[in-house]
């Protein structure tokens, strides 16, 4: 098992209560939850640190369907496939993308700026 190192972290009362509730429901200690969250954050940060070729999935809840078509046209060089669904009054778009991380990041920003909530999940990168 890897050696552990303690350090103090101050968070808002609300976040602390959420972590406590999660720890109880998952039957683990707070340290495990914080460690996993930090590991995910570090991996995502490193992924975004420099441009590279990447592929993954961009999932977006879209406010205006027409804006997606415009973004798809602008970024068709990196969009491998696209699905569009209507679920409980929401437009949900799923895009499989491959190409420069910078282009993928710009597509995600374009969607967010158009009023969408978008999340990119990297699957593989060089």
C-alpha atoms as a PDB file:
ATOM      1  CA  UNK A   1       0.000   0.000   0.000  1.00  0.00           C
ATOM      2  CA  UNK A   2       1.270   3.492  -0.804  1.00  0.00           C
ATOM      3  CA  UNK A   3       2.478   5.657   2.047  1.00  0.00           C
ATOM      4  CA  UNK A   4      -0.016   8.251   3.145  1.00  0.00           C
ATOM      5  CA  UNK A   5       0.712  11.856   4.036  1.00  0.00           C
ATOM      6  CA  UNK A   6      -1.603  14.016   6.104  1.00  0.00           C
ATOM      7  CA  UNK A   7      -2.353  17.645   5.379  1.00  0.00           C
ATOM      8  CA  UNK A   8      -5.153  19.958   6.438  1.00  0.00           C
ATOM      9  CA  UNK A   9      -7.754  21.314   4.064  1.00  0.00           C
ATOM     10  CA  UNK A  10     -10.462  23.827   4.917  1.00  0.00           C
ATOM     11  CA  UNK A  11     -13.736  23.585   2.987  1.00  0.00           C
ATOM     12  CA  UNK A  12     -17.148  25.161   3.404  1.00  0.00           C
ATOM     13  CA  UNK A  13     -19.524  23.610   5.898  1.00  0.00           C
ATOM     14  CA  UNK A  14     -21.844  22.560   3.055  1.00  0.00           C
ATOM     15  CA  UNK A  15     -19.106  20.659   1.206  1.00  0.00           C
ATOM     16  CA  UNK A  16     -17.927  19.036   4.446  1.00  0.00           C
ATOM     17  CA  UNK A  17     -21.478  17.846   5.164  1.00  0.00           C
ATOM     18  CA  UNK A  18     -21.814  16.450   1.627  1.00  0.00           C
ATOM     19  CA  UNK A  19     -18.507  14.583   1.995  1.00  0.00           C
ATOM     20  CA  UNK A  20     -19.595  13.203   5.378  1.00  0.00           C
ATOM     21  CA  UNK A  21     -22.898  12.013   3.902  1.00  0.00           C
ATOM     22  CA  UNK A  22     -21.121  10.404   0.937  1.00  0.00           C
ATOM     23  CA  UNK A  23     -18.639   8.687   3.233  1.00  0.00           C
ATOM     24  CA  UNK A  24     -21.469   7.211   5.312  1.00  0.00           C
ATOM     25  CA  UNK A  25     -23.442   6.052   2.260  1.00  0.00           C
ATOM     26  CA  UNK A  26     -20.350   4.522   0.617  1.00  0.00           C
ATOM     27  CA  UNK A  27     -19.066   3.060   3.886  1.00  0.00           C
ATOM     28  CA  UNK A  28     -15.622   4.652   3.456  1.00  0.00           C
ATOM     29  CA  UNK A  29     -13.766   7.398   5.268  1.00  0.00           C
ATOM     30  CA  UNK A  30     -13.583  11.027   4.134  1.00  0.00           C
ATOM     31  CA  UNK A  31      -9.937  10.667   3.192  1.00  0.00           C
ATOM     32  CA  UNK A  32     -10.805   8.070   0.535  1.00  0.00           C
ATOM     33  CA  UNK A  33     -13.374  10.381  -1.067  1.00  0.00           C
ATOM     34  CA  UNK A  34     -11.046  13.394  -1.019  1.00  0.00           C
ATOM     35  CA  UNK A  35      -8.126  11.333  -2.369  1.00  0.00           C
ATOM     36  CA  UNK A  36     -10.188  10.003  -5.287  1.00  0.00           C
ATOM     37  CA  UNK A  37     -11.574  13.469  -6.074  1.00  0.00           C
ATOM     38  CA  UNK A  38      -8.076  14.984  -6.027  1.00  0.00           C
ATOM     39  CA  UNK A  39      -6.703  12.177  -8.216  1.00  0.00           C
ATOM     40  CA  UNK A  40      -9.441  12.854 -10.802  1.00  0.00           C
ATOM     41  CA  UNK A  41      -8.787  16.608 -10.645  1.00  0.00           C
ATOM     42  CA  UNK A  42      -5.019  16.128 -11.099  1.00  0.00           C
ATOM     43  CA  UNK A  43      -5.531  13.771 -14.054  1.00  0.00           C
ATOM     44  CA  UNK A  44      -7.886  16.258 -15.706  1.00  0.00           C
ATOM     45  CA  UNK A  45      -5.506  19.167 -15.012  1.00  0.00           C
ATOM     46  CA  UNK A  46      -2.532  17.301 -16.512  1.00  0.00           C
ATOM     47  CA  UNK A  47      -4.657  16.408 -19.520  1.00  0.00           C
ATOM     48  CA  UNK A  48      -5.406  20.077 -20.168  1.00  0.00           C
ATOM     49  CA  UNK A  49      -1.833  21.316 -19.576  1.00  0.00           C
ATOM     50  CA  UNK A  50      -0.588  21.054 -23.169  1.00  0.00           C
ATOM     51  CA  UNK A  51      -1.978  20.426 -26.625  1.00  0.00           C
ATOM     52  CA  UNK A  52      -1.981  16.821 -27.809  1.00  0.00           C
ATOM     53  CA  UNK A  53      -4.033  14.462 -29.982  1.00  0.00           C
ATOM     54  CA  UNK A  54      -6.974  13.158 -28.049  1.00  0.00           C
ATOM     55  CA  UNK A  55     -10.255  11.323 -28.439  1.00  0.00           C
ATOM     56  CA  UNK A  56     -13.234  11.218 -26.157  1.00  0.00           C
ATOM     57  CA  UNK A  57     -16.887  12.019 -25.631  1.00  0.00           C
ATOM     58  CA  UNK A  58     -18.430  15.468 -25.304  1.00  0.00           C
ATOM     59  CA  UNK A  59     -21.845  15.411 -23.641  1.00  0.00           C
ATOM     60  CA  UNK A  60     -23.980  18.533 -23.626  1.00  0.00           C
ATOM     61  CA  UNK A  61     -27.380  19.638 -22.400  1.00  0.00           C
ATOM     62  CA  UNK A  62     -28.264  22.135 -25.061  1.00  0.00           C
ATOM     63  CA  UNK A  63     -30.463  25.191 -24.609  1.00  0.00           C
ATOM     64  CA  UNK A  64     -30.998  25.870 -28.345  1.00  0.00           C
ATOM     65  CA  UNK A  65     -30.737  22.994 -30.815  1.00  0.00           C
ATOM     66  CA  UNK A  66     -29.808  25.257 -33.742  1.00  0.00           C
ATOM     67  CA  UNK A  67     -26.600  26.330 -32.030  1.00  0.00           C
ATOM     68  CA  UNK A  68     -25.341  22.744 -32.031  1.00  0.00           C
ATOM     69  CA  UNK A  69     -25.604  22.478 -35.795  1.00  0.00           C
ATOM     70  CA  UNK A  70     -23.501  25.631 -36.158  1.00  0.00           C
ATOM     71  CA  UNK A  71     -20.841  24.240 -33.818  1.00  0.00           C
ATOM     72  CA  UNK A  72     -20.881  20.885 -35.634  1.00  0.00           C
ATOM     73  CA  UNK A  73     -20.239  22.653 -38.927  1.00  0.00           C
ATOM     74  CA  UNK A  74     -17.337  24.659 -37.478  1.00  0.00           C
ATOM     75  CA  UNK A  75     -15.739  21.578 -35.888  1.00  0.00           C
ATOM     76  CA  UNK A  76     -16.596  18.816 -38.348  1.00  0.00           C
ATOM     77  CA  UNK A  77     -12.874  18.015 -38.654  1.00  0.00           C
ATOM     78  CA  UNK A  78     -12.903  16.567 -35.100  1.00  0.00           C
ATOM     79  CA  UNK A  79     -16.502  15.276 -34.716  1.00  0.00           C
ATOM     80  CA  UNK A  80     -16.514  11.546 -35.459  1.00  0.00           C
ATOM     81  CA  UNK A  81     -20.162  10.918 -34.582  1.00  0.00           C
ATOM     82  CA  UNK A  82     -23.094  12.804 -33.108  1.00  0.00           C
ATOM     83  CA  UNK A  83     -26.400  11.876 -31.475  1.00  0.00           C
ATOM     84  CA  UNK A  84     -29.175  14.201 -30.435  1.00  0.00           C
ATOM     85  CA  UNK A  85     -31.939  13.149 -28.059  1.00  0.00           C
ATOM     86  CA  UNK A  86     -34.832  14.814 -26.279  1.00  0.00           C
ATOM     87  CA  UNK A  87     -35.112  13.588 -22.695  1.00  0.00           C
ATOM     88  CA  UNK A  88     -37.566  15.024 -20.153  1.00  0.00           C
ATOM     89  CA  UNK A  89     -37.698  18.373 -21.917  1.00  0.00           C
ATOM     90  CA  UNK A  90     -33.937  18.644 -22.449  1.00  0.00           C
ATOM     91  CA  UNK A  91     -31.875  18.405 -25.643  1.00  0.00           C
ATOM     92  CA  UNK A  92     -28.979  16.062 -24.929  1.00  0.00           C
ATOM     93  CA  UNK A  93     -26.161  15.850 -27.475  1.00  0.00           C
ATOM     94  CA  UNK A  94     -23.402  13.269 -27.438  1.00  0.00           C
ATOM     95  CA  UNK A  95     -20.391  13.814 -29.673  1.00  0.00           C
ATOM     96  CA  UNK A  96     -17.485  11.436 -30.166  1.00  0.00           C
ATOM     97  CA  UNK A  97     -14.511  13.624 -31.013  1.00  0.00           C
ATOM     98  CA  UNK A  98     -10.919  13.007 -32.094  1.00  0.00           C
ATOM     99  CA  UNK A  99      -8.196  15.508 -32.829  1.00  0.00           C
ATOM    100  CA  UNK A 100      -6.207  18.294 -31.271  1.00  0.00           C
ATOM    101  CA  UNK A 101      -7.055  18.863 -27.610  1.00  0.00           C
ATOM    102  CA  UNK A 102      -7.091  22.584 -28.367  1.00  0.00           C
ATOM    103  CA  UNK A 103      -9.820  22.100 -31.017  1.00  0.00           C
ATOM    104  CA  UNK A 104     -11.825  19.867 -28.674  1.00  0.00           C
ATOM    105  CA  UNK A 105     -11.523  22.442 -25.873  1.00  0.00           C
ATOM    106  CA  UNK A 106     -12.635  25.209 -28.256  1.00  0.00           C
ATOM    107  CA  UNK A 107     -15.687  23.170 -29.291  1.00  0.00           C
ATOM    108  CA  UNK A 108     -16.597  22.658 -25.639  1.00  0.00           C
ATOM    109  CA  UNK A 109     -16.192  26.399 -24.955  1.00  0.00           C
ATOM    110  CA  UNK A 110     -18.315  27.253 -27.998  1.00  0.00           C
ATOM    111  CA  UNK A 111     -21.116  25.061 -26.672  1.00  0.00           C
ATOM    112  CA  UNK A 112     -20.869  26.530 -23.156  1.00  0.00           C
ATOM    113  CA  UNK A 113     -20.879  30.090 -24.503  1.00  0.00           C
ATOM    114  CA  UNK A 114     -24.037  29.269 -26.460  1.00  0.00           C
ATOM    115  CA  UNK A 115     -25.808  28.407 -23.208  1.00  0.00           C
ATOM    116  CA  UNK A 116     -25.172  24.678 -23.046  1.00  0.00           C
ATOM    117  CA  UNK A 117     -23.804  22.698 -20.157  1.00  0.00           C
ATOM    118  CA  UNK A 118     -21.021  20.596 -21.675  1.00  0.00           C
ATOM    119  CA  UNK A 119     -18.608  18.038 -20.239  1.00  0.00           C
ATOM    120  CA  UNK A 120     -15.722  16.410 -22.036  1.00  0.00           C
ATOM    121  CA  UNK A 121     -14.561  12.939 -21.015  1.00  0.00           C
ATOM    122  CA  UNK A 122     -11.199  11.941 -22.503  1.00  0.00           C
ATOM    123  CA  UNK A 123     -10.954   8.299 -23.515  1.00  0.00           C
ATOM    124  CA  UNK A 124      -7.443   8.118 -25.015  1.00  0.00           C
ATOM    125  CA  UNK A 125      -4.655  10.529 -25.769  1.00  0.00           C
ATOM    126  CA  UNK A 126      -1.105  10.578 -27.111  1.00  0.00           C
END
